[in-house]
């Protein structure tokens, strides 16, 4: 049986291949300052925003996938919008748990991402 660190590292290693470290390093601050749902909502649209926004959106999508695999988010979560919908309907303690797990996952994702 694997511990949480091993699960996070394995998931992040898969998702970090095409991500830039400098872009991802902004995401934990967004989550801490605005909350997980508000940070996720910032990347929900399909509008432009440049290369960094694409990397941030991919990182948030990877986070949604990880939360689903950890069974914090429901099985219907497949993208950012469905993550927001799912976590909005759950109790506040689940949102708090999802935020904590997202920040822990992002620390691994940032470590495995490529330098610019």
N, C-alpha and C. Protein backbone atom coordinates (compact mmCIF):
# COMPACT_ATOMS: atom_id res chain seq x y z
N UNK A 1 0.85 -1.18 0.00
CA UNK A 1 0.00 0.00 0.00
C UNK A 1 0.89 1.24 0.00
N UNK A 2 0.54 2.18 -0.86
CA UNK A 2 1.32 3.41 -0.97
C UNK A 2 0.80 4.47 -0.01
N UNK A 3 1.72 5.33 0.45
CA UNK A 3 1.29 6.45 1.29
C UNK A 3 0.89 7.63 0.41
N UNK A 4 0.38 8.70 1.03
CA UNK A 4 -0.11 9.86 0.28
C UNK A 4 0.99 10.53 -0.55
N UNK A 5 2.18 10.60 0.01
CA UNK A 5 3.29 11.23 -0.73
C UNK A 5 3.59 10.46 -2.01
N UNK A 6 3.57 9.15 -1.94
CA UNK A 6 3.83 8.33 -3.12
C UNK A 6 2.73 8.50 -4.17
N UNK A 7 1.49 8.54 -3.73
CA UNK A 7 0.37 8.73 -4.65
C UNK A 7 0.44 10.09 -5.34
N UNK A 8 0.74 11.12 -4.57
CA UNK A 8 0.85 12.46 -5.15
C UNK A 8 2.01 12.54 -6.13
N UNK A 9 3.14 11.99 -5.75
CA UNK A 9 4.32 12.05 -6.62
C UNK A 9 4.07 11.30 -7.93
N UNK A 10 3.48 10.13 -7.86
CA UNK A 10 3.21 9.35 -9.07
C UNK A 10 2.25 10.08 -10.00
N UNK A 11 1.22 10.67 -9.43
CA UNK A 11 0.25 11.41 -10.25
C UNK A 11 0.88 12.66 -10.86
N UNK A 12 1.65 13.37 -10.08
CA UNK A 12 2.28 14.61 -10.57
C UNK A 12 3.32 14.33 -11.63
N UNK A 13 4.05 13.25 -11.50
CA UNK A 13 5.09 12.90 -12.47
C UNK A 13 4.48 12.71 -13.85
N UNK A 14 3.31 12.11 -13.91
CA UNK A 14 2.63 11.89 -15.18
C UNK A 14 2.18 13.21 -15.81
N UNK A 15 1.68 14.12 -14.99
CA UNK A 15 1.05 15.34 -15.51
C UNK A 15 2.01 16.50 -15.73
N UNK A 16 3.21 16.44 -15.21
CA UNK A 16 4.12 17.59 -15.23
C UNK A 16 4.99 17.66 -16.48
N UNK A 17 4.88 16.71 -17.37
CA UNK A 17 5.81 16.61 -18.50
C UNK A 17 5.88 17.88 -19.36
N UNK A 18 4.74 18.47 -19.66
CA UNK A 18 4.71 19.61 -20.57
C UNK A 18 4.39 20.93 -19.88
N UNK A 19 4.62 21.00 -18.58
CA UNK A 19 4.28 22.21 -17.84
C UNK A 19 5.51 22.99 -17.45
N UNK A 20 5.36 24.30 -17.40
CA UNK A 20 6.45 25.19 -16.99
C UNK A 20 6.36 25.48 -15.50
N UNK A 21 7.48 25.36 -14.84
CA UNK A 21 7.54 25.58 -13.39
C UNK A 21 7.14 27.00 -13.02
N UNK A 22 7.59 27.98 -13.80
CA UNK A 22 7.30 29.37 -13.45
C UNK A 22 5.80 29.67 -13.52
N UNK A 23 5.09 29.02 -14.42
CA UNK A 23 3.65 29.23 -14.53
C UNK A 23 2.92 28.55 -13.37
N UNK A 24 3.31 27.32 -13.07
CA UNK A 24 2.64 26.57 -12.02
C UNK A 24 2.87 27.18 -10.64
N UNK A 25 4.00 27.81 -10.45
CA UNK A 25 4.31 28.36 -9.12
C UNK A 25 3.34 29.46 -8.70
N UNK A 26 2.56 29.98 -9.63
CA UNK A 26 1.57 31.02 -9.30
C UNK A 26 0.26 30.42 -8.76
N UNK A 27 0.02 29.18 -9.07
CA UNK A 27 -1.27 28.57 -8.74
C UNK A 27 -1.51 28.38 -7.24
N UNK A 28 -0.54 27.91 -6.45
CA UNK A 28 -0.80 27.79 -5.01
C UNK A 28 -1.16 29.13 -4.35
N UNK A 29 -0.52 30.20 -4.77
CA UNK A 29 -0.85 31.52 -4.24
C UNK A 29 -2.27 31.94 -4.58
N UNK A 30 -2.68 31.65 -5.82
CA UNK A 30 -4.06 31.95 -6.21
C UNK A 30 -5.06 31.18 -5.35
N UNK A 31 -4.76 29.93 -5.08
CA UNK A 31 -5.66 29.11 -4.27
C UNK A 31 -5.69 29.61 -2.83
N UNK A 32 -4.53 29.92 -2.27
CA UNK A 32 -4.49 30.40 -0.88
C UNK A 32 -5.20 31.74 -0.71
N UNK A 33 -5.03 32.65 -1.66
CA UNK A 33 -5.62 33.99 -1.56
C UNK A 33 -7.10 34.03 -1.91
N UNK A 34 -7.52 33.19 -2.88
CA UNK A 34 -8.89 33.28 -3.38
C UNK A 34 -9.75 32.07 -3.09
N UNK A 35 -9.15 30.97 -2.72
CA UNK A 35 -9.89 29.73 -2.52
C UNK A 35 -9.80 28.86 -3.76
N UNK A 36 -10.00 27.57 -3.56
CA UNK A 36 -9.88 26.61 -4.66
C UNK A 36 -10.92 26.85 -5.74
N UNK A 37 -12.15 27.10 -5.35
CA UNK A 37 -13.21 27.28 -6.36
C UNK A 37 -12.98 28.54 -7.20
N UNK A 38 -12.60 29.63 -6.57
CA UNK A 38 -12.35 30.87 -7.31
C UNK A 38 -11.13 30.73 -8.22
N UNK A 39 -10.10 30.07 -7.74
CA UNK A 39 -8.91 29.86 -8.56
C UNK A 39 -9.26 28.99 -9.76
N UNK A 40 -10.04 27.95 -9.54
CA UNK A 40 -10.46 27.08 -10.63
C UNK A 40 -11.32 27.84 -11.63
N UNK A 41 -12.20 28.69 -11.14
CA UNK A 41 -13.08 29.46 -12.02
C UNK A 41 -12.30 30.38 -12.95
N UNK A 42 -11.14 30.83 -12.52
CA UNK A 42 -10.32 31.71 -13.34
C UNK A 42 -9.83 31.02 -14.61
N UNK A 43 -9.81 29.68 -14.60
CA UNK A 43 -9.30 28.93 -15.76
C UNK A 43 -10.39 28.12 -16.44
N UNK A 44 -11.63 28.44 -16.12
CA UNK A 44 -12.75 27.69 -16.66
C UNK A 44 -13.08 28.09 -18.10
N UNK A 45 -12.85 29.33 -18.45
CA UNK A 45 -13.20 29.83 -19.78
C UNK A 45 -12.26 29.35 -20.86
N UNK A 46 -12.66 29.62 -22.09
CA UNK A 46 -11.84 29.21 -23.23
C UNK A 46 -11.14 30.39 -23.87
N UNK A 47 -11.20 31.55 -23.23
CA UNK A 47 -10.57 32.73 -23.82
C UNK A 47 -9.05 32.60 -23.77
N UNK A 48 -8.38 33.53 -24.42
CA UNK A 48 -6.92 33.53 -24.50
C UNK A 48 -6.28 33.73 -23.15
N UNK A 49 -5.13 34.33 -23.14
CA UNK A 49 -4.44 34.54 -21.89
C UNK A 49 -2.98 34.18 -21.99
N UNK A 50 -2.62 33.63 -23.11
CA UNK A 50 -1.21 33.36 -23.33
C UNK A 50 -0.77 31.99 -22.83
N UNK A 51 0.52 31.78 -22.98
CA UNK A 51 1.13 30.49 -22.68
C UNK A 51 1.00 30.13 -21.21
N UNK A 52 1.22 31.10 -20.32
CA UNK A 52 1.14 30.81 -18.89
C UNK A 52 -0.26 30.36 -18.49
N UNK A 53 -1.28 30.97 -19.06
CA UNK A 53 -2.65 30.57 -18.71
C UNK A 53 -2.92 29.15 -19.18
N UNK A 54 -2.37 28.77 -20.33
CA UNK A 54 -2.53 27.39 -20.79
C UNK A 54 -1.89 26.41 -19.82
N UNK A 55 -0.70 26.74 -19.33
CA UNK A 55 -0.02 25.88 -18.37
C UNK A 55 -0.79 25.82 -17.05
N UNK A 56 -1.31 26.96 -16.61
CA UNK A 56 -2.10 26.98 -15.38
C UNK A 56 -3.38 26.17 -15.53
N UNK A 57 -4.01 26.27 -16.69
CA UNK A 57 -5.23 25.51 -16.94
C UNK A 57 -4.94 24.01 -16.94
N UNK A 58 -3.83 23.61 -17.57
CA UNK A 58 -3.44 22.19 -17.56
C UNK A 58 -3.14 21.72 -16.14
N UNK A 59 -2.49 22.56 -15.36
CA UNK A 59 -2.19 22.20 -13.97
C UNK A 59 -3.46 22.05 -13.15
N UNK A 60 -4.42 22.93 -13.37
CA UNK A 60 -5.69 22.85 -12.63
C UNK A 60 -6.48 21.62 -13.08
N UNK A 61 -6.43 21.28 -14.36
CA UNK A 61 -7.09 20.07 -14.85
C UNK A 61 -6.45 18.83 -14.24
N UNK A 62 -5.12 18.82 -14.15
CA UNK A 62 -4.42 17.70 -13.52
C UNK A 62 -4.80 17.59 -12.05
N UNK A 63 -4.99 18.72 -11.40
CA UNK A 63 -5.41 18.73 -9.99
C UNK A 63 -6.81 18.15 -9.86
N UNK A 64 -7.70 18.51 -10.77
CA UNK A 64 -9.06 17.96 -10.75
C UNK A 64 -9.02 16.44 -10.92
N UNK A 65 -8.20 15.98 -11.84
CA UNK A 65 -8.06 14.54 -12.05
C UNK A 65 -7.53 13.85 -10.79
N UNK A 66 -6.55 14.47 -10.15
CA UNK A 66 -5.98 13.89 -8.93
C UNK A 66 -7.02 13.83 -7.81
N UNK A 67 -7.80 14.88 -7.65
CA UNK A 67 -8.84 14.89 -6.61
C UNK A 67 -9.89 13.82 -6.86
N UNK A 68 -10.18 13.57 -8.12
CA UNK A 68 -11.11 12.50 -8.47
C UNK A 68 -10.51 11.14 -8.13
N UNK A 69 -9.25 10.94 -8.45
CA UNK A 69 -8.59 9.66 -8.17
C UNK A 69 -8.48 9.41 -6.66
N UNK A 70 -8.34 10.47 -5.90
CA UNK A 70 -8.26 10.35 -4.43
C UNK A 70 -9.64 10.23 -3.79
N UNK A 71 -10.68 10.30 -4.63
CA UNK A 71 -12.07 10.18 -4.19
C UNK A 71 -12.52 11.34 -3.29
N UNK A 72 -11.85 12.47 -3.45
CA UNK A 72 -12.30 13.69 -2.77
C UNK A 72 -13.36 14.36 -3.63
N UNK A 73 -13.13 14.36 -4.93
CA UNK A 73 -14.12 14.82 -5.89
C UNK A 73 -14.84 13.59 -6.43
N UNK A 74 -16.03 13.80 -6.93
CA UNK A 74 -16.85 12.69 -7.42
C UNK A 74 -16.35 12.07 -8.71
N UNK A 75 -16.88 10.90 -9.07
CA UNK A 75 -16.42 10.19 -10.26
C UNK A 75 -16.77 10.88 -11.57
N UNK A 76 -17.70 11.84 -11.53
CA UNK A 76 -18.09 12.55 -12.76
C UNK A 76 -17.16 13.71 -13.09
N UNK A 77 -16.17 13.98 -12.26
CA UNK A 77 -15.24 15.09 -12.49
C UNK A 77 -14.25 14.69 -13.60
N UNK A 78 -14.20 15.50 -14.66
CA UNK A 78 -13.28 15.24 -15.77
C UNK A 78 -12.58 16.51 -16.26
N UNK A 79 -13.03 17.66 -15.77
CA UNK A 79 -12.39 18.92 -16.15
C UNK A 79 -12.62 19.94 -15.02
N UNK A 80 -12.20 21.17 -15.26
CA UNK A 80 -12.28 22.20 -14.22
C UNK A 80 -13.73 22.54 -13.89
N UNK A 81 -14.54 22.68 -14.90
CA UNK A 81 -15.94 23.04 -14.68
C UNK A 81 -16.68 21.99 -13.85
N UNK A 82 -16.45 20.73 -14.17
CA UNK A 82 -17.12 19.67 -13.40
C UNK A 82 -16.57 19.59 -11.98
N UNK A 83 -15.29 19.95 -11.77
CA UNK A 83 -14.74 20.01 -10.42
C UNK A 83 -15.45 21.09 -9.61
N UNK A 84 -15.64 22.25 -10.20
CA UNK A 84 -16.33 23.34 -9.51
C UNK A 84 -17.76 22.93 -9.16
N UNK A 85 -18.45 22.33 -10.12
CA UNK A 85 -19.82 21.90 -9.89
C UNK A 85 -19.88 20.88 -8.75
N UNK A 86 -18.95 19.93 -8.76
CA UNK A 86 -18.95 18.87 -7.75
C UNK A 86 -18.64 19.42 -6.36
N UNK A 87 -17.56 20.20 -6.24
CA UNK A 87 -17.16 20.70 -4.93
C UNK A 87 -18.14 21.73 -4.37
N UNK A 88 -18.84 22.43 -5.25
CA UNK A 88 -19.84 23.41 -4.80
C UNK A 88 -21.02 22.74 -4.11
N UNK A 89 -21.27 21.50 -4.46
CA UNK A 89 -22.41 20.78 -3.90
C UNK A 89 -22.05 19.97 -2.65
N UNK A 90 -20.79 19.94 -2.31
CA UNK A 90 -20.34 19.12 -1.16
C UNK A 90 -20.25 19.98 0.10
N UNK A 91 -20.15 19.34 1.26
CA UNK A 91 -20.02 20.08 2.52
C UNK A 91 -18.70 20.87 2.57
N UNK A 92 -18.67 21.94 3.37
CA UNK A 92 -17.46 22.77 3.46
C UNK A 92 -16.22 22.00 3.86
N UNK A 93 -16.36 20.98 4.68
CA UNK A 93 -15.18 20.21 5.10
C UNK A 93 -14.56 19.48 3.91
N UNK A 94 -15.36 19.08 2.95
CA UNK A 94 -14.83 18.42 1.75
C UNK A 94 -14.08 19.42 0.90
N UNK A 95 -14.59 20.64 0.81
CA UNK A 95 -13.88 21.68 0.08
C UNK A 95 -12.55 22.00 0.76
N UNK A 96 -12.54 22.02 2.07
CA UNK A 96 -11.30 22.27 2.81
C UNK A 96 -10.30 21.13 2.56
N UNK A 97 -10.78 19.92 2.58
CA UNK A 97 -9.92 18.76 2.30
C UNK A 97 -9.39 18.80 0.87
N UNK A 98 -10.24 19.17 -0.09
CA UNK A 98 -9.83 19.27 -1.49
C UNK A 98 -8.77 20.35 -1.66
N UNK A 99 -8.93 21.46 -0.97
CA UNK A 99 -7.95 22.55 -1.05
C UNK A 99 -6.60 22.10 -0.51
N UNK A 100 -6.61 21.42 0.62
CA UNK A 100 -5.37 20.92 1.22
C UNK A 100 -4.68 19.92 0.28
N UNK A 101 -5.45 19.01 -0.27
CA UNK A 101 -4.88 18.00 -1.17
C UNK A 101 -4.39 18.64 -2.47
N UNK A 102 -5.11 19.63 -2.98
CA UNK A 102 -4.69 20.31 -4.20
C UNK A 102 -3.35 21.02 -3.99
N UNK A 103 -3.18 21.67 -2.87
CA UNK A 103 -1.92 22.36 -2.58
C UNK A 103 -0.77 21.36 -2.44
N UNK A 104 -1.02 20.23 -1.80
CA UNK A 104 0.02 19.21 -1.66
C UNK A 104 0.39 18.62 -3.02
N UNK A 105 -0.62 18.37 -3.85
CA UNK A 105 -0.37 17.84 -5.20
C UNK A 105 0.41 18.84 -6.05
N UNK A 106 0.03 20.10 -5.96
CA UNK A 106 0.70 21.14 -6.76
C UNK A 106 2.16 21.31 -6.37
N UNK A 107 2.50 21.04 -5.12
CA UNK A 107 3.91 21.15 -4.73
C UNK A 107 4.74 20.10 -5.47
N UNK A 108 4.18 18.92 -5.66
CA UNK A 108 4.88 17.90 -6.46
C UNK A 108 4.87 18.25 -7.94
N UNK A 109 3.75 18.73 -8.43
CA UNK A 109 3.65 19.09 -9.85
C UNK A 109 4.67 20.15 -10.20
N UNK A 110 4.84 21.12 -9.32
CA UNK A 110 5.80 22.20 -9.53
C UNK A 110 7.23 21.64 -9.55
N UNK A 111 7.53 20.72 -8.69
CA UNK A 111 8.88 20.14 -8.64
C UNK A 111 9.23 19.36 -9.90
N UNK A 112 8.23 18.68 -10.47
CA UNK A 112 8.48 17.85 -11.65
C UNK A 112 8.37 18.61 -12.96
N UNK A 113 7.82 19.81 -12.94
CA UNK A 113 7.67 20.60 -14.17
C UNK A 113 9.04 21.06 -14.67
N UNK A 114 9.10 21.38 -15.94
CA UNK A 114 10.37 21.78 -16.55
C UNK A 114 10.70 23.23 -16.21
N UNK A 115 11.98 23.51 -16.12
CA UNK A 115 12.43 24.89 -15.94
C UNK A 115 12.25 25.63 -17.26
N UNK A 116 12.06 26.94 -17.15
CA UNK A 116 11.87 27.74 -18.37
C UNK A 116 13.21 28.08 -18.98
